[in-house]
Protein backbone atom coordinates (compact mmCIF):
# COMPACT_ATOMS: atom_id res chain seq x y z
CA MET A 1 16.10 -118.93 -7.82
CA THR A 2 13.54 -120.96 -5.88
CA PRO A 3 14.78 -124.41 -4.83
CA GLU A 4 13.18 -127.42 -6.47
CA PRO A 5 10.54 -128.95 -4.19
CA THR A 6 11.13 -132.36 -2.70
CA PRO A 7 8.33 -134.72 -3.78
CA ALA A 8 6.06 -135.73 -0.91
CA PRO A 9 5.53 -139.39 -0.15
CA PRO A 10 2.21 -140.60 -1.61
CA SER A 11 0.84 -141.17 1.88
CA ASP A 12 1.18 -137.41 2.61
CA LEU A 13 -0.74 -136.27 -0.49
CA PRO A 14 -4.25 -136.20 1.05
CA VAL A 15 -3.04 -134.16 4.04
CA LEU A 16 -1.00 -131.81 1.85
CA ASP A 17 -3.97 -131.32 -0.49
CA ALA A 18 -6.23 -130.57 2.46
CA LEU A 19 -3.63 -128.22 3.96
CA GLN A 20 -3.10 -126.24 0.74
CA HIS A 21 -6.90 -125.96 0.36
CA GLU A 22 -7.33 -124.73 3.94
CA LEU A 23 -4.53 -122.20 3.39
CA ALA A 24 -6.33 -120.88 0.31
CA VAL A 25 -9.59 -120.60 2.26
CA PHE A 26 -7.76 -118.92 5.14
CA ALA A 27 -6.13 -116.41 2.79
CA ARG A 28 -9.50 -115.53 1.24
CA ARG A 29 -11.26 -115.20 4.59
CA ALA A 30 -8.41 -113.25 6.14
CA GLU A 31 -8.54 -110.82 3.23
CA GLN A 32 -12.34 -110.60 3.38
CA THR A 33 -12.36 -109.77 7.08
CA ARG A 34 -8.84 -108.32 7.03
CA LEU A 35 -8.70 -109.85 10.52
CA GLY A 36 -9.13 -106.24 11.50
CA GLY A 37 -10.23 -106.67 15.07
CA LEU A 38 -13.36 -105.78 16.97
CA GLY A 39 -14.83 -102.51 18.17
CA PRO A 40 -13.92 -98.98 17.09
CA ALA A 41 -10.44 -99.94 15.85
CA ARG A 42 -11.81 -102.63 13.51
CA ASN A 43 -10.17 -102.40 10.08
CA SER A 44 -8.69 -99.02 10.99
CA MET A 45 -5.12 -99.90 10.03
CA ASP A 46 -3.99 -101.69 6.91
CA ARG A 47 -1.66 -104.68 7.03
CA ALA A 48 1.39 -102.80 5.77
CA ALA A 49 1.05 -100.08 8.41
CA TYR A 50 0.44 -102.61 11.17
CA LEU A 51 3.50 -104.67 10.23
CA LEU A 52 5.74 -101.59 9.95
CA LEU A 53 4.61 -100.15 13.28
CA SER A 54 4.93 -103.55 14.95
CA ARG A 55 8.46 -103.95 13.61
CA LEU A 56 9.48 -100.50 14.84
CA ASP A 57 7.94 -101.30 18.22
CA GLN A 58 9.87 -104.56 18.46
CA GLU A 59 13.22 -103.35 17.12
CA GLY A 60 13.24 -99.69 18.10
CA PRO A 61 14.55 -96.92 15.85
CA THR A 62 15.95 -98.30 12.63
CA GLY A 63 17.00 -97.32 9.15
CA VAL A 64 14.94 -97.89 6.04
CA LYS A 65 17.34 -100.51 4.62
CA ALA A 66 17.45 -102.51 7.85
CA LEU A 67 13.67 -102.33 8.20
CA ALA A 68 13.20 -103.48 4.60
CA ALA A 69 15.68 -106.34 5.01
CA GLY A 70 14.01 -107.50 8.23
CA MET A 71 10.60 -107.49 6.59
CA GLY A 72 11.75 -109.09 3.35
CA ILE A 73 10.61 -106.17 1.20
CA ASP A 74 12.32 -103.55 -0.94
CA SER A 75 13.60 -100.27 0.55
CA SER A 76 11.48 -98.30 -1.92
CA THR A 77 8.41 -100.17 -0.67
CA VAL A 78 9.23 -99.26 2.94
CA THR A 79 9.76 -95.63 1.93
CA ARG A 80 6.40 -95.56 0.13
CA GLN A 81 4.56 -97.34 2.96
CA VAL A 82 6.09 -95.26 5.76
CA ALA A 83 5.32 -91.87 4.13
CA PRO A 84 1.65 -91.78 5.25
CA LEU A 85 2.69 -92.97 8.73
CA VAL A 86 5.08 -90.01 8.98
CA ASP A 87 2.43 -87.63 7.61
CA SER A 88 -0.08 -88.82 10.22
CA GLY A 89 2.43 -88.54 13.07
CA LEU A 90 2.65 -92.27 13.83
CA VAL A 91 6.32 -92.47 12.82
CA SER A 92 9.08 -89.89 13.06
CA ARG A 93 11.81 -89.68 10.46
CA THR A 94 15.17 -88.16 11.39
CA ALA A 95 18.63 -88.05 9.90
CA ASP A 96 20.95 -90.82 11.02
CA PRO A 97 23.59 -89.20 13.28
CA ALA A 98 26.22 -91.61 11.91
CA ASP A 99 25.33 -90.86 8.26
CA GLY A 100 23.37 -87.70 7.58
CA ARG A 101 22.23 -89.07 4.23
CA ALA A 102 20.46 -92.03 5.85
CA VAL A 103 17.12 -91.89 7.64
CA VAL A 104 16.16 -93.34 11.02
CA LEU A 105 12.51 -94.27 11.57
CA ARG A 106 11.08 -94.25 15.07
CA LEU A 107 7.64 -95.10 16.45
CA SER A 108 6.17 -91.87 17.83
CA PRO A 109 4.19 -91.72 21.09
CA LEU A 110 1.03 -91.34 18.97
CA GLY A 111 2.12 -94.35 16.90
CA ASN A 112 2.70 -96.36 20.05
CA ASP A 113 -0.79 -95.51 21.36
CA ARG A 114 -2.41 -96.27 18.00
CA LEU A 115 -0.57 -99.57 17.69
CA ALA A 116 -1.67 -100.56 21.20
CA GLU A 117 -5.30 -99.76 20.29
CA VAL A 118 -5.18 -101.82 17.10
CA ARG A 119 -3.38 -104.71 18.81
CA SER A 120 -6.03 -104.79 21.51
CA SER A 121 -8.79 -104.86 18.89
CA ARG A 122 -7.10 -107.64 16.93
CA ARG A 123 -6.37 -109.57 20.11
CA ALA A 124 -10.10 -109.43 20.95
CA LEU A 125 -10.97 -110.84 17.52
CA VAL A 126 -8.45 -113.68 17.80
CA SER A 127 -9.72 -114.41 21.31
CA MET A 128 -13.29 -114.61 20.00
CA LEU A 129 -12.30 -116.81 17.04
CA THR A 130 -10.47 -119.23 19.32
CA GLU A 131 -12.71 -118.99 22.39
CA ASP A 132 -13.43 -122.72 22.35
CA TRP A 133 -9.73 -123.59 22.05
CA THR A 134 -7.58 -124.53 25.02
CA GLU A 135 -4.52 -122.44 25.81
CA GLU A 136 -2.41 -125.37 24.62
CA GLU A 137 -4.25 -125.38 21.27
CA ARG A 138 -3.76 -121.62 20.90
CA ALA A 139 -0.07 -121.91 21.76
CA GLY A 140 0.38 -124.89 19.44
CA PHE A 141 -1.34 -123.12 16.55
CA CYS A 142 0.78 -120.02 17.13
CA ALA A 143 3.97 -122.08 17.19
CA LEU A 144 3.05 -123.92 13.99
CA LEU A 145 1.98 -120.74 12.21
CA THR A 146 5.23 -119.04 13.26
CA ARG A 147 7.18 -122.02 11.96
CA PHE A 148 5.19 -122.00 8.70
CA ASN A 149 5.82 -118.27 8.18
CA ALA A 150 9.54 -118.78 8.84
CA ALA A 151 9.62 -121.57 6.24
CA ILE A 152 7.95 -119.29 3.69
CA SER A 153 10.55 -116.60 4.42
CA ARG A 154 13.40 -119.07 3.98
CA VAL A 155 12.03 -120.38 0.67
CA HIS A 156 11.54 -116.90 -0.76
CA ALA A 157 14.62 -115.18 0.67
CA GLY A 158 16.52 -113.35 -2.02
CA THR A 159 13.93 -113.87 -4.77
CA GLU A 160 11.39 -111.56 -6.34
CA LEU A 161 8.70 -113.73 -4.73
CA SER A 162 9.76 -112.34 -1.34
CA ARG A 163 8.52 -108.89 -2.35
CA GLU A 164 5.42 -108.25 -0.29
CA PRO A 165 2.78 -106.15 -2.07
CA ASP A 166 1.56 -103.57 0.49
């Protein structure tokens, strides 16, 4: 069950209205461009694949349940999303030595190379979009966006709303 929101003070309403509007615009523009990067790797990897490969890169080999829990999605969703990554050789799937019924997912060397290519492309796009920002502005925006994403995760933890579609 989602917690009841705390009413904002009236003085915050204009800023909150502007913020929710800018978030809606951002979501639309991000989906339109898919923030897919620049160059040959532009839009070459969907969001689900990118997030799964990034997670495996950060955490190393992991089981489906742990991967799903860490991403806030259902195990069946991870299984469905990882299948094409296994088929294309970006992820390897092996039996868990501790429990032969469980599966361990691992970023393959090909997956590592492909992830690096896509990251580089996306990094170039973000660099271009923020080229007139200072390093402090970039770092501040990143910190606030990280904090905002963490707040969303906390609000939706354990609810059906936390299920990420793709």
